């Protein structure tokens, strides 16, 4: 495994009102921040990380500017950027990053990330074919960036349906799918945060 050494992690500060995607009304404090905190601990075992709980109650531009500022003041060069929040195919919904702000976001990533950086969108459906994860990977292809994200709706960070871009390949080894599913269901297993930094061979070996 090649663990992260300089990460930027961002997630929403405020819970949104209950809805179909957030029936208990505790999406930020009960899911996104929980995942972000665990990921921060993992990153700090091997280096440093900067974590931002952005004010998702602000205007769309205000939310986005806070995230841009967080990226700008993080120590360069970032080798990992991780987002925890709501998502749809074309939108990092909690962060309001989609068609309107995507090019600015990519410009910020380009300026603050090193080559071969890992970007992880722990967000529903952002990893769908042609979605925002693939768009980011394509726009940063010259930096050999790899983007991981969830291809369908599911748990905020234990969603096992993960794709890797560029290419859109499924991360779960085809002959280890049940073991992969079991690992993501097991709350004592932290494969969900380690797999982006593992080789396919390391993942297969762990699931054997």
Protein backbone atom coordinates (compact mmCIF):
# COMPACT_ATOMS: atom_id res chain seq x y z
CA UNK A 1 0.00 0.00 0.00
CA UNK A 2 1.13 3.53 -0.80
CA UNK A 3 -0.68 5.49 1.94
CA UNK A 4 -1.54 9.20 1.74
CA UNK A 5 0.93 11.66 3.22
CA UNK A 6 -0.69 15.04 2.51
CA UNK A 7 -4.49 15.02 2.30
CA UNK A 8 -7.32 17.52 2.10
CA UNK A 9 -10.68 16.28 3.39
CA UNK A 10 -13.93 18.18 3.16
CA UNK A 11 -17.50 17.51 4.28
CA UNK A 12 -20.60 19.56 5.17
CA UNK A 13 -20.96 21.14 8.59
CA UNK A 14 -24.73 21.26 8.90
CA UNK A 15 -27.40 18.57 8.80
CA UNK A 16 -29.99 18.96 6.06
CA UNK A 17 -33.72 18.58 6.77
CA UNK A 18 -35.02 15.01 6.51
CA UNK A 19 -35.76 13.74 3.00
CA UNK A 20 -35.58 10.47 1.06
CA UNK A 21 -31.77 10.53 1.07
CA UNK A 22 -31.54 11.69 4.68
CA UNK A 23 -34.54 10.23 6.53
CA UNK A 24 -33.19 10.93 10.02
CA UNK A 25 -32.00 14.46 9.30
CA UNK A 26 -28.47 13.76 10.56
CA UNK A 27 -26.58 13.33 7.30
CA UNK A 28 -23.66 15.61 8.22
CA UNK A 29 -23.07 14.64 11.85
CA UNK A 30 -24.21 11.04 11.53
CA UNK A 31 -22.51 10.05 8.28
CA UNK A 32 -20.33 12.50 6.36
CA UNK A 33 -18.39 13.88 9.32
CA UNK A 34 -18.06 10.40 10.79
CA UNK A 35 -16.41 9.17 7.59
CA UNK A 36 -14.26 12.28 7.29
CA UNK A 37 -13.01 11.93 10.87
CA UNK A 38 -12.07 8.28 10.35
CA UNK A 39 -10.34 9.10 7.09
CA UNK A 40 -8.43 11.93 8.81
CA UNK A 41 -7.15 9.53 11.47
CA UNK A 42 -6.02 7.12 8.77
CA UNK A 43 -4.19 9.87 6.88
CA UNK A 44 -2.49 11.19 9.99
CA UNK A 45 -0.95 7.78 10.65
CA UNK A 46 1.28 8.29 7.63
CA UNK A 47 1.60 12.04 7.23
CA UNK A 48 -0.62 15.08 7.57
CA UNK A 49 -4.12 16.12 6.60
CA UNK A 50 -6.26 19.23 6.53
CA UNK A 51 -9.98 18.79 7.23
CA UNK A 52 -12.71 21.29 6.42
CA UNK A 53 -16.31 21.11 7.56
CA UNK A 54 -17.68 23.75 5.20
CA UNK A 55 -20.77 25.83 5.94
CA UNK A 56 -23.31 24.23 3.64
CA UNK A 57 -25.92 26.72 4.83
CA UNK A 58 -24.20 29.52 2.92
CA UNK A 59 -24.92 30.57 -0.65
CA UNK A 60 -23.71 28.29 -3.43
CA UNK A 61 -20.84 30.67 -4.22
CA UNK A 62 -20.09 31.04 -0.50
CA UNK A 63 -19.85 27.27 -0.05
CA UNK A 64 -17.64 26.90 -3.09
CA UNK A 65 -15.35 29.79 -2.12
CA UNK A 66 -14.81 28.27 1.34
CA UNK A 67 -13.75 25.00 -0.27
CA UNK A 68 -11.43 26.80 -2.71
CA UNK A 69 -9.87 28.68 0.21
CA UNK A 70 -9.36 25.43 2.11
CA UNK A 71 -7.59 23.89 -0.86
CA UNK A 72 -5.46 27.01 -1.36
CA UNK A 73 -4.16 27.15 2.22
CA UNK A 74 -3.52 23.40 2.53
CA UNK A 75 0.18 22.47 2.40
CA UNK A 76 1.29 21.83 -1.18
CA UNK A 77 1.39 19.49 -2.96
CA UNK A 78 -1.63 17.44 -2.00
CA UNK A 79 -1.48 13.74 -2.81
CA UNK A 80 -5.07 13.04 -1.72
CA UNK A 81 -8.37 14.93 -1.83
CA UNK A 82 -11.45 13.31 -0.27
CA UNK A 83 -15.03 14.59 -0.33
CA UNK A 84 -17.77 13.24 1.92
CA UNK A 85 -21.26 14.43 1.07
CA UNK A 86 -24.37 14.02 -1.03
CA UNK A 87 -23.95 13.39 -4.73
CA UNK A 88 -25.66 12.80 -8.02
CA UNK A 89 -24.17 11.80 -11.33
CA UNK A 90 -23.13 15.34 -12.26
CA UNK A 91 -23.01 17.07 -8.88
CA UNK A 92 -21.12 16.93 -5.60
CA UNK A 93 -24.40 18.11 -4.15
CA UNK A 94 -23.46 19.18 -0.62
CA UNK A 95 -20.52 21.18 -2.00
CA UNK A 96 -22.52 22.58 -4.96
CA UNK A 97 -19.74 21.47 -7.31
CA UNK A 98 -21.18 20.56 -10.68
CA UNK A 99 -21.47 22.05 -14.15
CA UNK A 100 -21.38 25.64 -12.88
CA UNK A 101 -18.27 25.36 -10.71
CA UNK A 102 -16.51 22.30 -12.11
CA UNK A 103 -13.90 24.08 -14.20
CA UNK A 104 -12.94 26.33 -11.27
CA UNK A 105 -12.70 23.31 -9.01
CA UNK A 106 -10.46 21.48 -11.47
CA UNK A 107 -8.26 24.58 -11.77
CA UNK A 108 -7.88 24.60 -7.98
CA UNK A 109 -7.05 20.89 -7.93
CA UNK A 110 -4.48 21.44 -10.68
CA UNK A 111 -2.83 24.20 -8.68
CA UNK A 112 -2.77 22.41 -5.34
CA UNK A 113 -2.33 18.71 -6.14
CA UNK A 114 0.81 16.91 -7.20
CA UNK A 115 1.00 14.51 -10.10
CA UNK A 116 -0.61 11.09 -9.58
CA UNK A 117 -2.87 12.45 -6.84
CA UNK A 118 -5.79 10.37 -5.59
CA UNK A 119 -9.21 12.02 -5.52
CA UNK A 120 -12.03 10.19 -3.74
CA UNK A 121 -15.65 11.24 -3.91
CA UNK A 122 -17.45 9.40 -1.13
CA UNK A 123 -20.77 10.45 -2.62
CA UNK A 124 -23.72 8.71 -4.23
CA UNK A 125 -23.67 8.26 -8.00
CA UNK A 126 -20.75 10.62 -8.73
CA UNK A 127 -18.97 7.58 -10.17
CA UNK A 128 -21.71 6.77 -12.66
CA UNK A 129 -20.49 6.50 -16.28
CA UNK A 130 -19.95 9.98 -17.68
CA UNK A 131 -20.46 11.54 -14.25
CA UNK A 132 -18.48 14.12 -12.36
CA UNK A 133 -15.78 11.70 -11.19
CA UNK A 134 -15.03 10.74 -14.77
CA UNK A 135 -15.13 14.38 -15.85
CA UNK A 136 -12.56 15.36 -13.22
CA UNK A 137 -10.28 12.47 -14.18
CA UNK A 138 -10.47 13.42 -17.84
CA UNK A 139 -9.74 17.09 -17.18
CA UNK A 140 -6.69 16.18 -15.06
CA UNK A 141 -5.44 13.32 -17.25
CA UNK A 142 -2.13 15.13 -17.89
CA UNK A 143 -1.39 14.89 -14.16
CA UNK A 144 -2.15 11.14 -14.09
CA UNK A 145 -4.76 11.72 -11.39
CA UNK A 146 -6.94 8.79 -10.30
CA UNK A 147 -10.51 9.43 -9.18
CA UNK A 148 -12.63 6.94 -7.21
CA UNK A 149 -16.34 7.29 -6.51
CA UNK A 150 -19.57 5.44 -5.87
CA UNK A 151 -21.46 4.50 -9.02
CA UNK A 152 -24.90 4.20 -7.37
CA UNK A 153 -26.82 5.39 -4.32
CA UNK A 154 -25.80 3.78 -1.04
CA UNK A 155 -24.06 4.29 2.28
CA UNK A 156 -22.07 7.50 2.51
CA UNK A 157 -18.68 5.78 2.71
CA UNK A 158 -19.34 2.02 2.92
CA UNK A 159 -20.95 1.85 -0.51
CA UNK A 160 -19.19 -1.09 -2.22
CA UNK A 161 -20.11 -0.13 -5.79
CA UNK A 162 -16.95 1.82 -6.57
CA UNK A 163 -15.42 2.74 -9.92
CA UNK A 164 -11.96 3.98 -10.81
CA UNK A 165 -11.29 6.69 -13.39
CA UNK A 166 -9.99 7.10 -15.96
CA UNK A 167 -11.48 3.95 -17.41
CA UNK A 168 -14.48 3.46 -15.17
CA UNK A 169 -13.40 -0.01 -14.06
CA UNK A 170 -14.98 -1.62 -11.04
CA UNK A 171 -12.60 -1.79 -8.10
CA UNK A 172 -13.98 -5.02 -6.64
CA UNK A 173 -12.04 -8.02 -8.02
CA UNK A 174 -14.47 -10.01 -10.21
CA UNK A 175 -13.73 -13.27 -8.41
CA UNK A 176 -13.77 -11.73 -4.92
CA UNK A 177 -17.05 -9.81 -5.05
CA UNK A 178 -18.66 -11.48 -2.03
CA UNK A 179 -15.56 -10.96 0.09
CA UNK A 180 -15.50 -7.32 -1.03
CA UNK A 181 -19.16 -6.88 -0.05
CA UNK A 182 -18.54 -8.53 3.30
CA UNK A 183 -15.59 -6.21 4.02
CA UNK A 184 -17.68 -3.12 3.33
CA UNK A 185 -20.49 -4.37 5.59
CA UNK A 186 -18.09 -5.15 8.45
CA UNK A 187 -17.90 -2.00 10.58
CA UNK A 188 -14.57 -3.18 12.02
CA UNK A 189 -13.03 -3.35 8.53
CA UNK A 190 -11.49 -0.17 7.13
CA UNK A 191 -10.96 -1.38 3.57
CA UNK A 192 -13.34 1.38 2.42
CA UNK A 193 -10.67 3.99 3.19
CA UNK A 194 -7.57 1.97 2.31
CA UNK A 195 -8.43 0.52 -1.09
CA UNK A 196 -7.65 3.69 -3.12
CA UNK A 197 -4.03 3.36 -2.02
CA UNK A 198 -3.71 -0.38 -2.68
CA UNK A 199 -2.77 -2.23 -5.82
CA UNK A 200 -5.23 -4.66 -7.39
CA UNK A 201 -2.97 -7.47 -6.20
CA UNK A 202 -3.01 -6.20 -2.62
CA UNK A 203 -6.81 -5.98 -2.65
CA UNK A 204 -7.14 -9.50 -4.03
CA UNK A 205 -4.69 -10.86 -1.45
CA UNK A 206 -6.58 -9.24 1.41
CA UNK A 207 -9.87 -10.67 0.22
CA UNK A 208 -8.53 -14.19 -0.28
